[in-house]
Structure formats: C-alpha cells, structure tokens
Protein backbone atom coordinates (compact mmCIF):
# COMPACT_ATOMS: atom_id res chain seq x y z
CA MET A 1 0.01 0.06 0.05
CA LYS A 2 1.48 3.65 -0.89
CA THR A 3 2.24 6.14 1.81
CA ILE A 4 4.05 8.30 -0.36
CA SER A 5 2.58 10.39 -3.15
CA VAL A 6 3.93 12.19 -6.11
CA THR A 7 2.00 15.42 -7.85
CA ILE A 8 2.60 16.38 -10.89
CA GLN A 9 3.74 20.45 -11.67
CA ALA A 10 4.13 21.90 -14.99
CA THR A 11 7.31 24.27 -15.35
CA LYS A 12 7.82 26.76 -18.21
CA ASN A 13 10.00 24.74 -20.32
CA PRO A 14 7.41 22.14 -21.89
CA THR A 15 10.33 19.37 -22.13
CA ILE A 16 10.74 19.50 -18.35
CA LEU A 17 8.35 18.20 -15.94
CA LYS A 18 8.49 18.24 -12.01
CA PHE A 19 6.88 15.02 -9.94
CA VAL A 20 6.47 16.97 -6.50
CA HIS A 21 6.89 15.17 -3.03
CA SER A 22 5.01 17.27 -0.02
CA GLY A 23 7.78 16.77 2.03
CA GLN A 24 11.85 16.72 2.36
CA ILE A 25 13.45 13.69 -0.33
CA THR A 26 17.16 14.52 -0.11
CA ASN A 27 19.41 17.14 1.13
CA GLY A 28 21.03 19.45 -1.93
CA SER A 29 20.03 19.81 -5.28
CA TYR A 30 21.31 17.47 -8.19
CA GLU A 31 21.47 17.69 -11.63
CA TYR A 32 22.57 14.45 -14.26
CA ASN A 33 23.23 14.72 -18.08
CA ASN A 34 23.50 11.03 -18.78
CA ILE A 35 23.49 8.29 -16.67
CA ASP A 36 27.57 7.87 -16.11
CA ASP A 37 27.02 11.56 -14.72
CA ALA A 38 24.28 9.17 -12.26
CA LYS A 39 26.69 7.17 -10.61
CA ASN A 40 25.70 8.87 -7.29
CA SER A 41 22.30 7.93 -7.91
CA PRO A 42 20.73 4.67 -8.15
CA PHE A 43 17.17 6.46 -9.21
CA ALA A 44 18.62 8.61 -12.03
CA GLN A 45 20.44 5.65 -13.71
CA GLN A 46 16.76 3.83 -13.55
CA LEU A 47 15.24 7.13 -15.73
CA PHE A 48 17.81 7.09 -17.77
CA HIS A 49 17.75 3.91 -18.83
CA LEU A 50 13.94 5.09 -20.65
CA PRO A 51 14.91 6.25 -23.92
CA PHE A 52 13.36 9.94 -24.21
CA VAL A 53 15.17 10.86 -20.69
CA LYS A 54 17.58 13.70 -21.43
CA LYS A 55 18.14 14.55 -17.95
CA VAL A 56 17.51 14.19 -14.08
CA PHE A 57 17.23 16.66 -11.87
CA ILE A 58 16.67 15.70 -7.55
CA SER A 59 16.08 18.28 -5.36
CA ALA A 60 14.77 18.94 -1.98
CA ASN A 61 11.66 18.09 -2.77
CA PHE A 62 10.87 16.85 -6.26
CA VAL A 63 12.52 15.25 -9.38
CA ALA A 64 12.40 16.96 -12.59
CA ILE A 65 13.02 14.96 -15.96
CA GLU A 66 13.58 16.64 -19.33
CA LYS A 67 12.74 14.75 -21.87
CA TYR A 68 13.72 14.28 -25.67
CA ASP A 69 10.60 14.93 -28.30
CA ILE A 70 10.28 11.55 -29.37
CA VAL A 71 7.33 11.05 -26.96
CA GLU A 72 4.46 13.28 -25.45
CA TRP A 73 4.26 14.08 -21.85
CA ASP A 74 0.37 12.62 -22.13
CA ASP A 75 1.82 9.01 -23.15
CA ILE A 76 4.33 8.66 -20.39
CA THR A 77 3.65 10.93 -17.38
CA GLY A 78 1.46 8.52 -15.46
CA ALA A 79 4.17 5.19 -15.60
CA ILE A 80 6.67 8.06 -14.42
CA LYS A 81 4.64 8.78 -11.53
CA ASP A 82 4.43 5.67 -10.48
CA GLN A 83 8.04 4.75 -11.08
CA VAL A 84 8.95 7.73 -8.49
CA GLU A 85 6.01 6.86 -6.17
CA ASN A 86 6.69 2.91 -5.66
CA PHE A 87 10.85 3.77 -5.52
CA LEU A 88 9.93 6.05 -2.89
CA ASN A 89 7.58 4.01 -1.14
CA GLU A 90 10.10 0.88 -0.87
CA GLY A 91 12.45 3.04 0.63
CA GLY A 92 14.90 3.70 -2.22
CA GLN A 93 17.90 5.94 -1.49
CA LEU A 94 17.55 8.67 -4.31
CA ILE A 95 21.42 10.03 -3.75
CA ASP A 96 24.15 7.43 -2.39
CA ASP A 97 25.35 9.53 0.41
CA ALA A 98 29.35 8.20 0.05
CA GLN A 99 29.35 9.25 -3.32
CA LYS A 100 27.31 12.92 -2.70
CA SER A 101 30.12 15.38 -2.51
CA SER A 102 31.67 14.12 -6.12
CA ALA A 103 27.97 15.22 -7.63
CA LYS A 104 27.00 17.96 -5.47
CA MET A 105 25.99 20.40 -8.42
CA ALA A 106 28.09 23.73 -9.53
CA ILE A 107 25.70 26.25 -8.20
CA GLU A 108 26.06 29.94 -9.72
CA ILE A 109 23.95 33.16 -8.72
CA TYR A 110 24.16 35.94 -10.33
CA ALA A 111 22.26 39.43 -9.31
CA GLU A 112 19.65 41.03 -11.76
CA SER A 113 18.28 44.66 -11.36
CA THR A 114 14.82 45.19 -11.34
CA PRO A 115 12.56 47.96 -12.08
CA ASN A 116 11.84 48.85 -8.11
CA PRO A 117 15.38 49.99 -7.12
CA SER A 118 14.76 49.16 -3.74
CA VAL A 119 14.57 44.87 -5.12
CA MET A 120 17.76 43.12 -6.45
CA LYS A 121 17.02 39.88 -8.20
CA PHE A 122 19.32 37.09 -6.97
CA VAL A 123 19.25 34.09 -9.85
CA SER A 124 20.24 30.65 -9.22
CA ASN A 125 21.21 28.31 -12.27
CA LYS A 126 19.39 25.51 -10.26
CA MET A 127 16.02 25.04 -8.82
CA LEU A 128 15.56 26.39 -5.60
CA THR A 129 11.74 25.63 -4.66
CA SER A 130 8.58 24.31 -6.13
CA GLN A 131 6.61 27.20 -4.54
CA THR A 132 6.28 30.74 -4.12
CA TYR A 133 7.02 32.43 -0.88
CA GLU A 134 6.49 35.64 0.25
CA PHE A 135 7.90 36.91 3.90
CA LYS A 136 7.87 40.63 5.55
CA ASN A 137 10.02 40.04 8.49
CA ILE A 138 12.04 37.26 10.32
CA ASP A 139 9.22 36.05 12.14
CA GLU A 140 6.95 35.29 9.21
CA ALA A 141 10.36 33.40 7.83
CA LYS A 142 10.81 31.29 10.28
CA GLU A 143 9.69 27.73 8.55
CA ALA A 144 12.26 29.61 5.93
CA PRO A 145 15.58 29.03 6.70
CA ILE A 146 17.72 30.84 3.97
CA ALA A 147 14.89 33.77 4.69
CA VAL A 148 15.50 33.62 8.76
CA GLU A 149 19.21 34.21 7.64
CA LEU A 150 18.90 36.64 5.17
CA PHE A 151 16.72 38.92 7.74
CA LYS A 152 19.84 38.80 10.24
CA PHE A 153 21.63 41.65 7.25
CA SER A 154 20.41 44.55 9.07
CA PHE A 155 19.57 45.87 5.10
CA VAL A 156 16.93 43.35 4.75
CA LYS A 157 13.44 44.42 4.34
CA GLU A 158 11.21 41.61 2.25
CA VAL A 159 12.24 38.25 0.85
CA PHE A 160 10.48 36.66 -1.69
CA ILE A 161 11.53 33.20 -3.17
CA SER A 162 10.19 31.39 -6.48
CA GLU A 163 11.72 28.57 -8.40
CA ASN A 164 14.96 29.62 -9.13
CA TYR A 165 15.56 33.21 -7.65
CA ILE A 166 15.35 35.14 -4.20
CA SER A 167 14.23 38.56 -4.46
CA ILE A 168 15.54 41.09 -1.89
CA SER A 169 14.05 44.46 -0.74
CA LYS A 170 16.17 46.40 1.24
CA TYR A 171 16.28 49.68 3.15
CA ASP A 172 17.24 52.57 1.88
CA MET A 173 20.22 52.65 4.54
CA ALA A 174 22.38 50.57 2.42
CA GLU A 175 23.18 50.91 -1.35
CA TRP A 176 23.05 47.51 -3.53
CA GLU A 177 26.66 48.82 -5.14
CA ASP A 178 28.01 48.15 -1.67
CA VAL A 179 26.15 44.88 -0.47
CA GLY A 180 24.89 43.00 -3.45
CA GLN A 181 28.02 41.26 -3.60
CA GLU A 182 27.78 39.87 0.02
CA ILE A 183 24.58 38.96 -0.77
CA ARG A 184 25.37 37.14 -3.74
CA ASN A 185 28.25 35.06 -2.09
CA PHE A 186 25.91 34.46 1.06
CA ILE A 187 23.13 32.98 -1.05
CA ARG A 188 25.84 30.62 -3.34
CA THR A 189 27.22 29.35 -0.38
CA TYR A 190 24.24 28.24 1.39
CA ILE A 191 23.18 26.59 -1.37
CA VAL A 192 26.26 25.05 -2.01
CA ASP A 193 26.52 23.60 1.75
CA GLY A 194 23.39 22.19 1.28
CA ASN A 195 21.21 24.06 3.50
CA LYS A 196 17.08 23.69 3.30
CA ILE A 197 15.51 26.76 1.54
CA VAL A 198 12.44 25.98 2.97
CA SER A 199 10.58 23.59 5.23
CA GLU A 200 7.40 21.41 3.90
CA ASN A 201 5.51 23.60 6.58
CA ALA A 202 6.56 26.92 5.01
CA THR A 203 2.81 28.58 3.51
CA PRO A 204 3.26 29.32 -0.39
CA ILE A 205 1.66 32.63 -1.53
CA SER A 206 -0.96 30.71 -3.79
CA SER A 207 -2.62 29.35 -0.53
CA SER A 208 -2.14 32.36 1.61
CA GLN A 209 -4.42 34.67 -0.53
CA SER A 210 -8.27 34.31 1.06
CA VAL A 211 -9.48 33.83 -2.44
CA ASP A 212 -11.57 31.08 -3.24
CA SER A 213 -10.64 28.08 -5.49
CA PRO A 214 -11.00 28.72 -9.13
CA GLN A 215 -13.68 26.41 -9.55
CA SER A 216 -15.73 27.75 -7.29
CA LEU A 217 -15.67 31.42 -9.06
CA ASP A 218 -18.05 33.14 -11.91
CA GLU A 219 -16.65 33.24 -15.51
CA THR A 220 -15.07 36.10 -15.00
CA SER A 221 -13.21 35.74 -12.01
CA GLN A 222 -11.65 32.07 -14.11
CA GLN A 223 -10.55 34.18 -17.31
CA ILE A 224 -9.18 36.97 -15.49
CA ILE A 225 -7.12 34.25 -13.92
CA SER A 226 -6.04 32.46 -16.80
CA ILE A 227 -5.18 35.65 -18.39
CA LEU A 228 -2.77 36.78 -15.41
CA ASP A 229 -1.19 33.40 -15.23
CA GLU A 230 -0.52 33.01 -19.20
CA TYR A 231 0.27 36.30 -19.86
CA VAL A 232 1.26 38.86 -17.09
CA LYS A 233 2.62 36.13 -14.17
CA PRO A 234 5.94 35.40 -16.46
CA ALA A 235 6.50 39.14 -17.34
CA VAL A 236 6.47 40.00 -13.37
CA ALA A 237 8.31 37.12 -12.38
CA SER A 238 11.68 38.37 -14.82
CA ASP A 239 11.34 41.40 -12.92
CA GLY A 240 11.46 39.70 -9.52
CA GLY A 241 7.58 40.07 -8.39
CA ASN A 242 4.54 38.53 -8.59
CA ILE A 243 1.16 39.38 -8.91
CA GLN A 244 -1.65 37.69 -7.13
CA PHE A 245 -5.76 37.63 -8.40
CA VAL A 246 -7.54 38.60 -5.02
CA SER A 247 -10.72 39.23 -6.44
CA TYR A 248 -13.51 40.71 -9.01
CA GLU A 249 -16.62 42.81 -8.27
CA PRO A 250 -19.51 42.66 -10.91
CA ASP A 251 -21.09 45.15 -9.79
CA THR A 252 -17.94 47.62 -9.59
CA LYS A 253 -15.71 45.96 -12.84
CA ILE A 254 -13.05 46.33 -10.10
CA VAL A 255 -10.43 43.92 -10.17
CA ASN A 256 -8.25 43.65 -7.11
CA VAL A 257 -4.83 42.03 -6.81
CA VAL A 258 -1.85 41.68 -4.70
CA LEU A 259 1.45 42.82 -6.00
CA GLN A 260 4.54 40.85 -4.73
CA GLY A 261 7.99 40.59 -4.60
CA ALA A 262 10.00 43.31 -6.66
CA CYS A 263 6.68 44.70 -7.97
CA SER A 264 5.47 45.39 -3.98
CA GLY A 265 6.42 48.97 -3.89
CA CYS A 266 7.93 49.30 -7.41
CA PRO A 267 7.74 53.00 -8.67
CA SER A 268 6.47 51.76 -12.11
CA ALA A 269 4.15 49.39 -10.57
CA THR A 270 1.19 51.81 -10.99
CA MET A 271 2.09 52.75 -14.66
CA THR A 272 2.05 48.89 -15.38
CA LEU A 273 -1.34 48.15 -14.03
CA LYS A 274 -2.84 50.63 -15.20
CA SER A 275 -1.22 50.96 -18.88
CA GLY A 276 -0.45 47.08 -19.27
CA ILE A 277 -2.59 44.70 -17.22
CA GLU A 278 -5.74 46.99 -17.11
CA ASN A 279 -5.56 47.32 -20.77
CA MET A 280 -5.21 43.87 -21.55
CA LEU A 281 -7.88 42.66 -19.32
CA LYS A 282 -10.37 45.32 -21.51
CA GLN A 283 -9.45 44.06 -24.48
CA MET A 284 -9.55 40.31 -23.66
CA ILE A 285 -13.07 40.50 -21.49
CA PRO A 286 -15.11 43.28 -23.70
CA ASN A 287 -17.01 45.47 -21.09
CA LYS A 288 -16.34 43.52 -18.15
CA ILE A 289 -13.29 45.50 -16.72
CA GLU A 290 -13.56 49.10 -15.57
CA SER A 291 -10.25 48.92 -13.24
CA VAL A 292 -7.36 47.08 -11.92
CA ASP A 293 -6.65 47.67 -8.12
CA ALA A 294 -3.54 46.58 -6.30
CA ILE A 295 -4.89 46.12 -2.76
CA ASN A 296 -1.20 46.71 -1.56
CA GLY A 297 -0.13 50.13 -2.91
C-alpha cells in the first residue's frame, strides 16, 4: 500500500516536468546529463534507461525530468509518476551519501536589477523550490531557513523566493553596489552547503490569499486568473515579482490584485498596472473590466 504520493507539476519549459513530494526527499540539489553522471543516484540511473529521458534533476522535494521530443508527456506521465512513488515507498535512496560530494551541483548566483530600485533579484542556475513564498519579516520566515538568515542582514527588509531566484527588498540605509556582492556570496555558499531553502510547513503565496478556488468563482474571475497566469505572471516574474488575483466585483467591474516581490512598492508598478494589465484585461474581456487595483499599493 502506497504511503508516499507525488503530484505532477508543469514548468515554463514544456520539455521539463516535475514530480513533487510534499516533504523533503533529499538534501541539496543535483543535475544529471546522462547515466554516467548519475553514479551517485540509483534512481536517476534507473530513469536514464528510459529512451526519452534527456536530463534528470533531483532537489529537496522534487524529481524533474527533461525529455526528448520522441514522446509526448501525456503518454508517459502516469508511468513515471508510478515509478517515482514506488521507488520512494520501497525505501529507495535517491542519492548515495557515500558519493554525494562528487556530484554536488556547481551553483552559480547572479544578481539582476529590477524596475524597483529597492529590490535586487538573485538568480540561481538551479531550482530552489517548487512554490513561491513571500516574507515581510523574520517572524513570518520561521519556516524558511534561508530567509531567516537573510533577515539577519540589517538592511534586508523583505524576502521573496520563487522557483530559481530570491528577490530581496532593502532599506534605504544601504546601496546595492555596496551590499549586493555580499548577499550574492552568502546565497551561493548557503545553497552549495546543502542547507534547506524552505521547510514543508512553509505557506506558499498561492494558498495564502483569501480567495476561493478557481472552480468556485464566476466565469469572469476564472478568465482573469487565466489571463494573469498565461500573460502577466511570466513577465513580472522576470522582474523578480508576482501578481496575485484577489477578487472581482461584478457590480463595479473592479479587479483587485496583490503585487508581491519586486512589484510591491515599485515606482513603475502603477503605470504597469494601468497601462499594461488593465488595458489587456479590457481588450481580452470586453465590457467586463473597469479598473484593476492593487490593494497593497
């Protein structure tokens, strides 16, 4: 009888699919390009025997597979999900501790400026988490060890963590040109040492807002969410932020959203909201949208 189950999660790269476990299945992050690379991972070696597997990624709470185009995900997803679950339920070891050090991934962190001068985006070449988290202070960050450590820097105001990057909002007491390298080095060392990014008890922002499930919302609200997910979120994520749908008021035709990460408090956010997002929704959902308002400014 299975006691461990995984969920299937798409990524921005259509050739990569993630099989996510609710808890932690290993420490550190690993990437394998072929079966020889996977000498320290019996499970990755097992996967490379499948002819369509191009790369395997193993991280704290997920296994991700990049496939060749010879097959479609619909034809193989179920079988891979079963294989992952069976391996974990049988007590299989994803990483052989005896050879772990030889396969630890080379981690690179690079800093990117954002439209918000108070926020810097620190991007990793490897996946950090399968969810998105926002922490306004050290008390909120108690389930995210890396955020707790970052808040110990006196100039760190807020921490936003997404799939492969961390956006940090600073107080005006410091300039990025003076502290950016210090933060970059800290994040890289933290990850290389195999420290935990977030715990399984941390609450992702997707479930922290008081909004009904999409299925229970009216048709217009569902359309708004779909448009934000497809057209808006990828763009704001590239700037180190996120936009979260909160509500739609049919009587006033007002859409309420929350801006997070670099978007929160950004000087250009209002213009983006009105000139970009609001106009897009008006065009794609005619006669249903009057205004898009950010309830957090």
